Amino acid sequence: MRRDVERWIENIINSSIDISKIILVAENIPLPDTYKELVASVSLVPGFNKERMKSLSEWVRFRNIIAHEYLDISWASIRKFILESDPLYESFLKDVKEYLEKQLHIDTAKT
């Protein structure tokens, strides 16, 4: 079960990295060298809160620990991720949805 939860966390964080990369490319913003910087850089796009994106980017380090099994991950760390990251991811997904709605509206108007 523990490995399942760790994979779940890794996949959630990987998804935020992938979404961030897509948004930055769409906005012609150069991609930073690290995944942490990549997630934080989404705050350069209007509609994304700088502090929330910085907080979200802090979890990228946790993903590295899980993915590469550097340390034995404690249940306390996993619990902290679940409790602290939930509101961040909810806000991020809301902002992504609003961003996509704006982009689709603009693209639709051009055709």
C-alpha atoms as a PDB file:
ATOM      1  CA  MET A   1       0.000   0.000   0.000  1.00  0.00           C
ATOM      2  CA  ARG A   2       2.790   2.400   0.864  1.00  0.00           C
ATOM      3  CA  ARG A   3       4.325   2.099  -2.620  1.00  0.00           C
ATOM      4  CA  ASP A   4       0.896   2.771  -4.132  1.00  0.00           C
ATOM      5  CA  VAL A   5       0.566   5.999  -2.164  1.00  0.00           C
ATOM      6  CA  GLU A   6       4.097   7.032  -3.077  1.00  0.00           C
ATOM      7  CA  ARG A   7       3.373   6.419  -6.792  1.00  0.00           C
ATOM      8  CA  TRP A   8       0.142   8.390  -6.460  1.00  0.00           C
ATOM      9  CA  ILE A   9       2.049  11.356  -5.042  1.00  0.00           C
ATOM     10  CA  GLU A  10       4.754  11.051  -7.682  1.00  0.00           C
ATOM     11  CA  ASN A  11       2.132  11.027 -10.465  1.00  0.00           C
ATOM     12  CA  ILE A  12       0.332  14.078  -9.069  1.00  0.00           C
ATOM     13  CA  ILE A  13       3.562  16.055  -8.897  1.00  0.00           C
ATOM     14  CA  ASN A  14       4.662  14.840 -12.349  1.00  0.00           C
ATOM     15  CA  SER A  15       1.330  16.025 -13.729  1.00  0.00           C
ATOM     16  CA  SER A  16       1.880  19.504 -12.317  1.00  0.00           C
ATOM     17  CA  ILE A  17       5.321  19.553 -13.956  1.00  0.00           C
ATOM     18  CA  ASP A  18       3.871  18.471 -17.313  1.00  0.00           C
ATOM     19  CA  ILE A  19       1.019  20.988 -17.157  1.00  0.00           C
ATOM     20  CA  SER A  20       3.464  23.745 -16.213  1.00  0.00           C
ATOM     21  CA  LYS A  21       5.732  22.868 -19.125  1.00  0.00           C
ATOM     22  CA  ILE A  22       2.825  22.980 -21.594  1.00  0.00           C
ATOM     23  CA  ILE A  23       1.667  26.374 -20.310  1.00  0.00           C
ATOM     24  CA  LEU A  24       5.153  27.882 -20.453  1.00  0.00           C
ATOM     25  CA  VAL A  25       5.700  26.621 -23.999  1.00  0.00           C
ATOM     26  CA  ALA A  26       2.279  27.953 -25.044  1.00  0.00           C
ATOM     27  CA  GLU A  27       3.227  31.352 -23.619  1.00  0.00           C
ATOM     28  CA  ASN A  28       6.692  31.325 -25.251  1.00  0.00           C
ATOM     29  CA  ILE A  29       8.360  31.527 -21.840  1.00  0.00           C
ATOM     30  CA  PRO A  30      11.793  29.867 -21.791  1.00  0.00           C
ATOM     31  CA  LEU A  31      11.857  26.625 -19.833  1.00  0.00           C
ATOM     32  CA  PRO A  32      14.029  26.781 -16.710  1.00  0.00           C
ATOM     33  CA  ASP A  33      16.682  24.190 -15.955  1.00  0.00           C
ATOM     34  CA  THR A  34      14.925  22.473 -13.057  1.00  0.00           C
ATOM     35  CA  TYR A  35      11.429  21.100 -12.552  1.00  0.00           C
ATOM     36  CA  LYS A  36      11.064  23.152  -9.387  1.00  0.00           C
ATOM     37  CA  GLU A  37      11.820  26.371 -11.300  1.00  0.00           C
ATOM     38  CA  LEU A  38       9.547  25.238 -14.106  1.00  0.00           C
ATOM     39  CA  VAL A  39       6.526  24.946 -11.807  1.00  0.00           C
ATOM     40  CA  ALA A  40       7.347  28.236 -10.071  1.00  0.00           C
ATOM     41  CA  SER A  41       7.706  29.998 -13.452  1.00  0.00           C
ATOM     42  CA  VAL A  42       4.039  29.487 -14.263  1.00  0.00           C
ATOM     43  CA  SER A  43       3.470  32.467 -11.972  1.00  0.00           C
ATOM     44  CA  LEU A  44       4.769  34.592 -14.865  1.00  0.00           C
ATOM     45  CA  VAL A  45       1.516  33.823 -16.684  1.00  0.00           C
ATOM     46  CA  PRO A  46      -1.426  36.070 -15.763  1.00  0.00           C
ATOM     47  CA  GLY A  47      -3.947  34.256 -13.597  1.00  0.00           C
ATOM     48  CA  PHE A  48      -1.416  32.175 -11.652  1.00  0.00           C
ATOM     49  CA  ASN A  49      -0.576  33.291  -8.127  1.00  0.00           C
ATOM     50  CA  LYS A  50       3.163  33.668  -7.463  1.00  0.00           C
ATOM     51  CA  GLU A  51       3.090  32.462  -3.849  1.00  0.00           C
ATOM     52  CA  ARG A  52       0.882  29.450  -4.621  1.00  0.00           C
ATOM     53  CA  MET A  53       3.084  28.410  -7.528  1.00  0.00           C
ATOM     54  CA  LYS A  54       6.178  28.780  -5.342  1.00  0.00           C
ATOM     55  CA  SER A  55       4.565  26.616  -2.659  1.00  0.00           C
ATOM     56  CA  LEU A  56       3.530  24.055  -5.250  1.00  0.00           C
ATOM     57  CA  SER A  57       7.052  23.987  -6.666  1.00  0.00           C
ATOM     58  CA  GLU A  58       8.440  23.112  -3.236  1.00  0.00           C
ATOM     59  CA  TRP A  59       6.788  19.688  -3.515  1.00  0.00           C
ATOM     60  CA  VAL A  60       8.917  18.834  -6.566  1.00  0.00           C
ATOM     61  CA  ARG A  61      11.775  17.992  -4.207  1.00  0.00           C
ATOM     62  CA  PHE A  62       9.515  15.495  -2.437  1.00  0.00           C
ATOM     63  CA  ARG A  63       8.772  13.881  -5.809  1.00  0.00           C
ATOM     64  CA  ASN A  64      12.509  13.472  -6.395  1.00  0.00           C
ATOM     65  CA  ILE A  65      12.912  11.764  -3.047  1.00  0.00           C
ATOM     66  CA  ILE A  66      10.044   9.386  -3.794  1.00  0.00           C
ATOM     67  CA  ALA A  67      10.979   8.707  -7.420  1.00  0.00           C
ATOM     68  CA  HIS A  68      14.614   7.988  -6.695  1.00  0.00           C
ATOM     69  CA  GLU A  69      14.023   6.376  -3.319  1.00  0.00           C
ATOM     70  CA  TYR A  70      16.744   8.466  -1.706  1.00  0.00           C
ATOM     71  CA  LEU A  71      15.314   8.032   1.756  1.00  0.00           C
ATOM     72  CA  ASP A  72      12.799   5.920   3.542  1.00  0.00           C
ATOM     73  CA  ILE A  73       9.716   8.098   3.281  1.00  0.00           C
ATOM     74  CA  SER A  74       7.841   8.368   6.540  1.00  0.00           C
ATOM     75  CA  TRP A  75       4.079   8.256   6.780  1.00  0.00           C
ATOM     76  CA  ALA A  76       4.311  11.677   8.428  1.00  0.00           C
ATOM     77  CA  SER A  77       5.849  13.118   5.238  1.00  0.00           C
ATOM     78  CA  ILE A  78       3.174  11.510   3.117  1.00  0.00           C
ATOM     79  CA  ARG A  79       0.446  12.821   5.421  1.00  0.00           C
ATOM     80  CA  LYS A  80       1.956  16.305   5.288  1.00  0.00           C
ATOM     81  CA  PHE A  81       1.912  16.211   1.482  1.00  0.00           C
ATOM     82  CA  ILE A  82      -1.727  15.157   1.411  1.00  0.00           C
ATOM     83  CA  LEU A  83      -2.846  17.796   3.908  1.00  0.00           C
ATOM     84  CA  GLU A  84      -0.747  20.721   2.686  1.00  0.00           C
ATOM     85  CA  SER A  85      -0.798  20.153  -1.048  1.00  0.00           C
ATOM     86  CA  ASP A  86      -4.521  19.523  -1.457  1.00  0.00           C
ATOM     87  CA  PRO A  87      -5.564  23.202  -1.407  1.00  0.00           C
ATOM     88  CA  LEU A  88      -2.583  24.115  -3.608  1.00  0.00           C
ATOM     89  CA  TYR A  89      -3.524  21.560  -6.250  1.00  0.00           C
ATOM     90  CA  GLU A  90      -7.186  22.538  -6.112  1.00  0.00           C
ATOM     91  CA  SER A  91      -6.237  26.173  -6.766  1.00  0.00           C
ATOM     92  CA  PHE A  92      -3.744  25.178  -9.460  1.00  0.00           C
ATOM     93  CA  LEU A  93      -6.314  23.083 -11.300  1.00  0.00           C
ATOM     94  CA  LYS A  94      -8.871  25.902 -11.059  1.00  0.00           C
ATOM     95  CA  ASP A  95      -6.328  28.351 -12.491  1.00  0.00           C
ATOM     96  CA  VAL A  96      -5.393  25.906 -15.270  1.00  0.00           C
ATOM     97  CA  LYS A  97      -9.057  25.450 -16.159  1.00  0.00           C
ATOM     98  CA  GLU A  98      -9.573  29.236 -16.342  1.00  0.00           C
ATOM     99  CA  TYR A  99      -6.387  29.594 -18.398  1.00  0.00           C
ATOM    100  CA  LEU A 100      -7.553  26.930 -20.864  1.00  0.00           C
ATOM    101  CA  GLU A 101     -11.004  28.475 -21.149  1.00  0.00           C
ATOM    102  CA  LYS A 102      -9.414  31.822 -22.036  1.00  0.00           C
ATOM    103  CA  GLN A 103      -7.057  30.202 -24.530  1.00  0.00           C
ATOM    104  CA  LEU A 104      -9.794  28.198 -26.212  1.00  0.00           C
ATOM    105  CA  HIS A 105     -11.994  31.270 -26.417  1.00  0.00           C
ATOM    106  CA  ILE A 106      -9.185  33.257 -28.034  1.00  0.00           C
ATOM    107  CA  ASP A 107      -8.382  30.451 -30.465  1.00  0.00           C
ATOM    108  CA  THR A 108     -12.060  30.011 -31.349  1.00  0.00           C
ATOM    109  CA  ALA A 109     -12.457  33.747 -32.007  1.00  0.00           C
ATOM    110  CA  LYS A 110      -9.543  33.685 -34.460  1.00  0.00           C
ATOM    111  CA  THR A 111     -11.119  31.038 -36.691  1.00  0.00           C
END
